Amino acid sequence: MNIFISFQLGEVEVSNLTILVLAFFSSFTFIAVGISSYKLYKSLINEDDK
């Protein structure tokens, strides 16, 4: 059984591993930006309380 199935995107053939790597980096970037934005928003709220 071959777990590295390739997907046909037009004329480009993309392997399953490539899609998994891209999904991992995309979700990692999304979470990192979310955490950074939350910390920035929290620091702005804490500045107003002083």
PDB file of N, CA and C in Angstrom:
ATOM      1  N   MET A   1       0.841  -1.190   0.000  1.00  0.00           N
ATOM      2  CA  MET A   1       0.000   0.000   0.000  1.00  0.00           C
ATOM      3  C   MET A   1       0.883   1.248   0.000  1.00  0.00           C
ATOM      4  N   ASN A   2       0.628   2.126  -0.918  1.00  0.00           N
ATOM      5  CA  ASN A   2       1.403   3.355  -1.042  1.00  0.00           C
ATOM      6  C   ASN A   2       0.677   4.489  -0.325  1.00  0.00           C
ATOM      7  N   ILE A   3       1.305   5.036   0.734  1.00  0.00           N
ATOM      8  CA  ILE A   3       0.651   6.117   1.482  1.00  0.00           C
ATOM      9  C   ILE A   3       0.940   7.486   0.879  1.00  0.00           C
ATOM     10  N   PHE A   4       1.893   7.569  -0.036  1.00  0.00           N
ATOM     11  CA  PHE A   4       2.223   8.835  -0.677  1.00  0.00           C
ATOM     12  C   PHE A   4       1.452   8.971  -1.986  1.00  0.00           C
ATOM     13  N   ILE A   5       0.149   9.110  -1.860  1.00  0.00           N
ATOM     14  CA  ILE A   5      -0.718   9.258  -3.025  1.00  0.00           C
ATOM     15  C   ILE A   5      -0.527  10.666  -3.578  1.00  0.00           C
ATOM     16  N   SER A   6      -0.501  10.786  -4.880  1.00  0.00           N
ATOM     17  CA  SER A   6      -0.326  12.107  -5.479  1.00  0.00           C
ATOM     18  C   SER A   6      -1.661  12.629  -5.994  1.00  0.00           C
ATOM     19  N   PHE A   7      -1.835  13.939  -5.876  1.00  0.00           N
ATOM     20  CA  PHE A   7      -3.038  14.607  -6.349  1.00  0.00           C
ATOM     21  C   PHE A   7      -2.721  15.362  -7.627  1.00  0.00           C
ATOM     22  N   GLN A   8      -3.639  15.358  -8.540  1.00  0.00           N
ATOM     23  CA  GLN A   8      -3.472  16.058  -9.809  1.00  0.00           C
ATOM     24  C   GLN A   8      -4.131  17.429  -9.691  1.00  0.00           C
ATOM     25  N   LEU A   9      -3.318  18.486  -9.724  1.00  0.00           N
ATOM     26  CA  LEU A   9      -3.817  19.863  -9.693  1.00  0.00           C
ATOM     27  C   LEU A   9      -3.523  20.491 -11.057  1.00  0.00           C
ATOM     28  N   GLY A  10      -4.446  20.350 -11.960  1.00  0.00           N
ATOM     29  CA  GLY A  10      -4.201  20.808 -13.323  1.00  0.00           C
ATOM     30  C   GLY A  10      -3.180  19.902 -13.978  1.00  0.00           C
ATOM     31  N   GLU A  11      -2.058  20.483 -14.396  1.00  0.00           N
ATOM     32  CA  GLU A  11      -0.987  19.684 -14.992  1.00  0.00           C
ATOM     33  C   GLU A  11       0.096  19.341 -13.988  1.00  0.00           C
ATOM     34  N   VAL A  12      -0.056  19.807 -12.754  1.00  0.00           N
ATOM     35  CA  VAL A  12       0.955  19.582 -11.724  1.00  0.00           C
ATOM     36  C   VAL A  12       0.512  18.425 -10.833  1.00  0.00           C
ATOM     37  N   GLU A  13       1.420  17.513 -10.578  1.00  0.00           N
ATOM     38  CA  GLU A  13       1.134  16.389  -9.697  1.00  0.00           C
ATOM     39  C   GLU A  13       1.804  16.652  -8.349  1.00  0.00           C
ATOM     40  N   VAL A  14       0.997  16.718  -7.289  1.00  0.00           N
ATOM     41  CA  VAL A  14       1.488  17.059  -5.954  1.00  0.00           C
ATOM     42  C   VAL A  14       1.321  15.840  -5.053  1.00  0.00           C
ATOM     43  N   SER A  15       2.377  15.496  -4.321  1.00  0.00           N
ATOM     44  CA  SER A  15       2.302  14.323  -3.449  1.00  0.00           C
ATOM     45  C   SER A  15       1.564  14.654  -2.155  1.00  0.00           C
ATOM     46  N   ASN A  16       1.103  13.613  -1.509  1.00  0.00           N
ATOM     47  CA  ASN A  16       0.385  13.752  -0.250  1.00  0.00           C
ATOM     48  C   ASN A  16       1.288  14.364   0.817  1.00  0.00           C
ATOM     49  N   LEU A  17       2.556  13.997   0.823  1.00  0.00           N
ATOM     50  CA  LEU A  17       3.505  14.522   1.801  1.00  0.00           C
ATOM     51  C   LEU A  17       3.669  16.031   1.647  1.00  0.00           C
ATOM     52  N   THR A  18       3.704  16.524   0.427  1.00  0.00           N
ATOM     53  CA  THR A  18       3.820  17.963   0.181  1.00  0.00           C
ATOM     54  C   THR A  18       2.616  18.707   0.736  1.00  0.00           C
ATOM     55  N   ILE A  19       1.436  18.154   0.542  1.00  0.00           N
ATOM     56  CA  ILE A  19       0.227  18.797   1.051  1.00  0.00           C
ATOM     57  C   ILE A  19       0.229  18.804   2.573  1.00  0.00           C
ATOM     58  N   LEU A  20       0.686  17.719   3.196  1.00  0.00           N
ATOM     59  CA  LEU A  20       0.756  17.672   4.659  1.00  0.00           C
ATOM     60  C   LEU A  20       1.758  18.683   5.207  1.00  0.00           C
ATOM     61  N   VAL A  21       2.905  18.825   4.563  1.00  0.00           N
ATOM     62  CA  VAL A  21       3.914  19.799   5.005  1.00  0.00           C
ATOM     63  C   VAL A  21       3.375  21.220   4.870  1.00  0.00           C
ATOM     64  N   LEU A  22       2.723  21.517   3.747  1.00  0.00           N
ATOM     65  CA  LEU A  22       2.146  22.849   3.559  1.00  0.00           C
ATOM     66  C   LEU A  22       1.048  23.132   4.577  1.00  0.00           C
ATOM     67  N   ALA A  23       0.223  22.145   4.887  1.00  0.00           N
ATOM     68  CA  ALA A  23      -0.835  22.318   5.885  1.00  0.00           C
ATOM     69  C   ALA A  23      -0.238  22.556   7.269  1.00  0.00           C
ATOM     70  N   PHE A  24       0.848  21.850   7.600  1.00  0.00           N
ATOM     71  CA  PHE A  24       1.501  22.038   8.896  1.00  0.00           C
ATOM     72  C   PHE A  24       2.062  23.448   9.028  1.00  0.00           C
ATOM     73  N   PHE A  25       2.800  23.907   8.017  1.00  0.00           N
ATOM     74  CA  PHE A  25       3.381  25.243   8.093  1.00  0.00           C
ATOM     75  C   PHE A  25       2.310  26.331   8.073  1.00  0.00           C
ATOM     76  N   SER A  26       1.236  26.116   7.339  1.00  0.00           N
ATOM     77  CA  SER A  26       0.149  27.094   7.311  1.00  0.00           C
ATOM     78  C   SER A  26      -0.529  27.196   8.664  1.00  0.00           C
ATOM     79  N   SER A  27      -0.808  26.056   9.289  1.00  0.00           N
ATOM     80  CA  SER A  27      -1.454  26.091  10.601  1.00  0.00           C
ATOM     81  C   SER A  27      -0.510  26.647  11.657  1.00  0.00           C
ATOM     82  N   PHE A  28       0.786  26.327  11.573  1.00  0.00           N
ATOM     83  CA  PHE A  28       1.759  26.876  12.516  1.00  0.00           C
ATOM     84  C   PHE A  28       1.820  28.396  12.399  1.00  0.00           C
ATOM     85  N   THR A  29       1.840  28.918  11.185  1.00  0.00           N
ATOM     86  CA  THR A  29       1.868  30.364  10.971  1.00  0.00           C
ATOM     87  C   THR A  29       0.590  31.012  11.475  1.00  0.00           C
ATOM     88  N   PHE A  30      -0.556  30.397  11.218  1.00  0.00           N
ATOM     89  CA  PHE A  30      -1.835  30.928  11.675  1.00  0.00           C
ATOM     90  C   PHE A  30      -1.877  31.005  13.199  1.00  0.00           C
ATOM     91  N   ILE A  31      -1.420  29.954  13.880  1.00  0.00           N
ATOM     92  CA  ILE A  31      -1.415  29.945  15.346  1.00  0.00           C
ATOM     93  C   ILE A  31      -0.427  30.972  15.888  1.00  0.00           C
ATOM     94  N   ALA A  32       0.747  31.103  15.276  1.00  0.00           N
ATOM     95  CA  ALA A  32       1.746  32.073  15.734  1.00  0.00           C
ATOM     96  C   ALA A  32       1.238  33.502  15.599  1.00  0.00           C
ATOM     97  N   VAL A  33       0.584  33.822  14.498  1.00  0.00           N
ATOM     98  CA  VAL A  33       0.026  35.162  14.309  1.00  0.00           C
ATOM     99  C   VAL A  33      -1.101  35.402  15.302  1.00  0.00           C
ATOM    100  N   GLY A  34      -1.911  34.392  15.563  1.00  0.00           N
ATOM    101  CA  GLY A  34      -2.987  34.526  16.543  1.00  0.00           C
ATOM    102  C   GLY A  34      -2.458  34.798  17.935  1.00  0.00           C
ATOM    103  N   ILE A  35      -1.437  34.080  18.355  1.00  0.00           N
ATOM    104  CA  ILE A  35      -0.846  34.295  19.680  1.00  0.00           C
ATOM    105  C   ILE A  35      -0.218  35.676  19.761  1.00  0.00           C
ATOM    106  N   SER A  36       0.493  36.081  18.731  1.00  0.00           N
ATOM    107  CA  SER A  36       1.124  37.398  18.712  1.00  0.00           C
ATOM    108  C   SER A  36       0.084  38.512  18.770  1.00  0.00           C
ATOM    109  N   SER A  37      -0.991  38.367  18.020  1.00  0.00           N
ATOM    110  CA  SER A  37      -2.049  39.378  18.033  1.00  0.00           C
ATOM    111  C   SER A  37      -2.723  39.434  19.391  1.00  0.00           C
ATOM    112  N   TYR A  38      -2.940  38.280  20.008  1.00  0.00           N
ATOM    113  CA  TYR A  38      -3.559  38.242  21.334  1.00  0.00           C
ATOM    114  C   TYR A  38      -2.678  38.937  22.362  1.00  0.00           C
ATOM    115  N   LYS A  39      -1.359  38.686  22.319  1.00  0.00           N
ATOM    116  CA  LYS A  39      -0.445  39.331  23.264  1.00  0.00           C
ATOM    117  C   LYS A  39      -0.406  40.842  23.046  1.00  0.00           C
ATOM    118  N   LEU A  40      -0.422  41.280  21.789  1.00  0.00           N
ATOM    119  CA  LEU A  40      -0.427  42.706  21.494  1.00  0.00           C
ATOM    120  C   LEU A  40      -1.697  43.357  22.010  1.00  0.00           C
ATOM    121  N   TYR A  41      -2.838  42.736  21.760  1.00  0.00           N
ATOM    122  CA  TYR A  41      -4.122  43.260  22.230  1.00  0.00           C
ATOM    123  C   TYR A  41      -4.165  43.291  23.753  1.00  0.00           C
ATOM    124  N   LYS A  42      -3.649  42.249  24.394  1.00  0.00           N
ATOM    125  CA  LYS A  42      -3.635  42.186  25.855  1.00  0.00           C
ATOM    126  C   LYS A  42      -2.738  43.274  26.437  1.00  0.00           C
ATOM    127  N   SER A  43      -1.592  43.545  25.804  1.00  0.00           N
ATOM    128  CA  SER A  43      -0.704  44.594  26.309  1.00  0.00           C
ATOM    129  C   SER A  43      -1.330  45.973  26.129  1.00  0.00           C
ATOM    130  N   LEU A  44      -2.106  46.169  25.071  1.00  0.00           N
ATOM    131  CA  LEU A  44      -2.787  47.449  24.892  1.00  0.00           C
ATOM    132  C   LEU A  44      -3.880  47.640  25.932  1.00  0.00           C
ATOM    133  N   ILE A  45      -4.574  46.585  26.294  1.00  0.00           N
ATOM    134  CA  ILE A  45      -5.608  46.663  27.326  1.00  0.00           C
ATOM    135  C   ILE A  45      -4.973  46.947  28.677  1.00  0.00           C
ATOM    136  N   ASN A  46      -3.839  46.312  28.973  1.00  0.00           N
ATOM    137  CA  ASN A  46      -3.166  46.521  30.255  1.00  0.00           C
ATOM    138  C   ASN A  46      -2.595  47.929  30.355  1.00  0.00           C
ATOM    139  N   GLU A  47      -2.220  48.558  29.254  1.00  0.00           N
ATOM    140  CA  GLU A  47      -1.729  49.935  29.275  1.00  0.00           C
ATOM    141  C   GLU A  47      -2.837  50.895  29.700  1.00  0.00           C
ATOM    142  N   ASP A  48      -4.073  50.634  29.287  1.00  0.00           N
ATOM    143  CA  ASP A  48      -5.182  51.519  29.619  1.00  0.00           C
ATOM    144  C   ASP A  48      -5.571  51.428  31.082  1.00  0.00           C
ATOM    145  N   ASP A  49      -5.280  50.321  31.751  1.00  0.00           N
ATOM    146  CA  ASP A  49      -5.658  50.141  33.149  1.00  0.00           C
ATOM    147  C   ASP A  49      -4.770  50.939  34.089  1.00  0.00           C
ATOM    148  N   LYS A  50      -3.593  51.338  33.661  1.00  0.00           N
ATOM    149  CA  LYS A  50      -2.652  52.043  34.546  1.00  0.00           C
ATOM    150  C   LYS A  50      -3.058  53.470  34.779  1.00  0.00           C
TER     151      LYS A  50
END
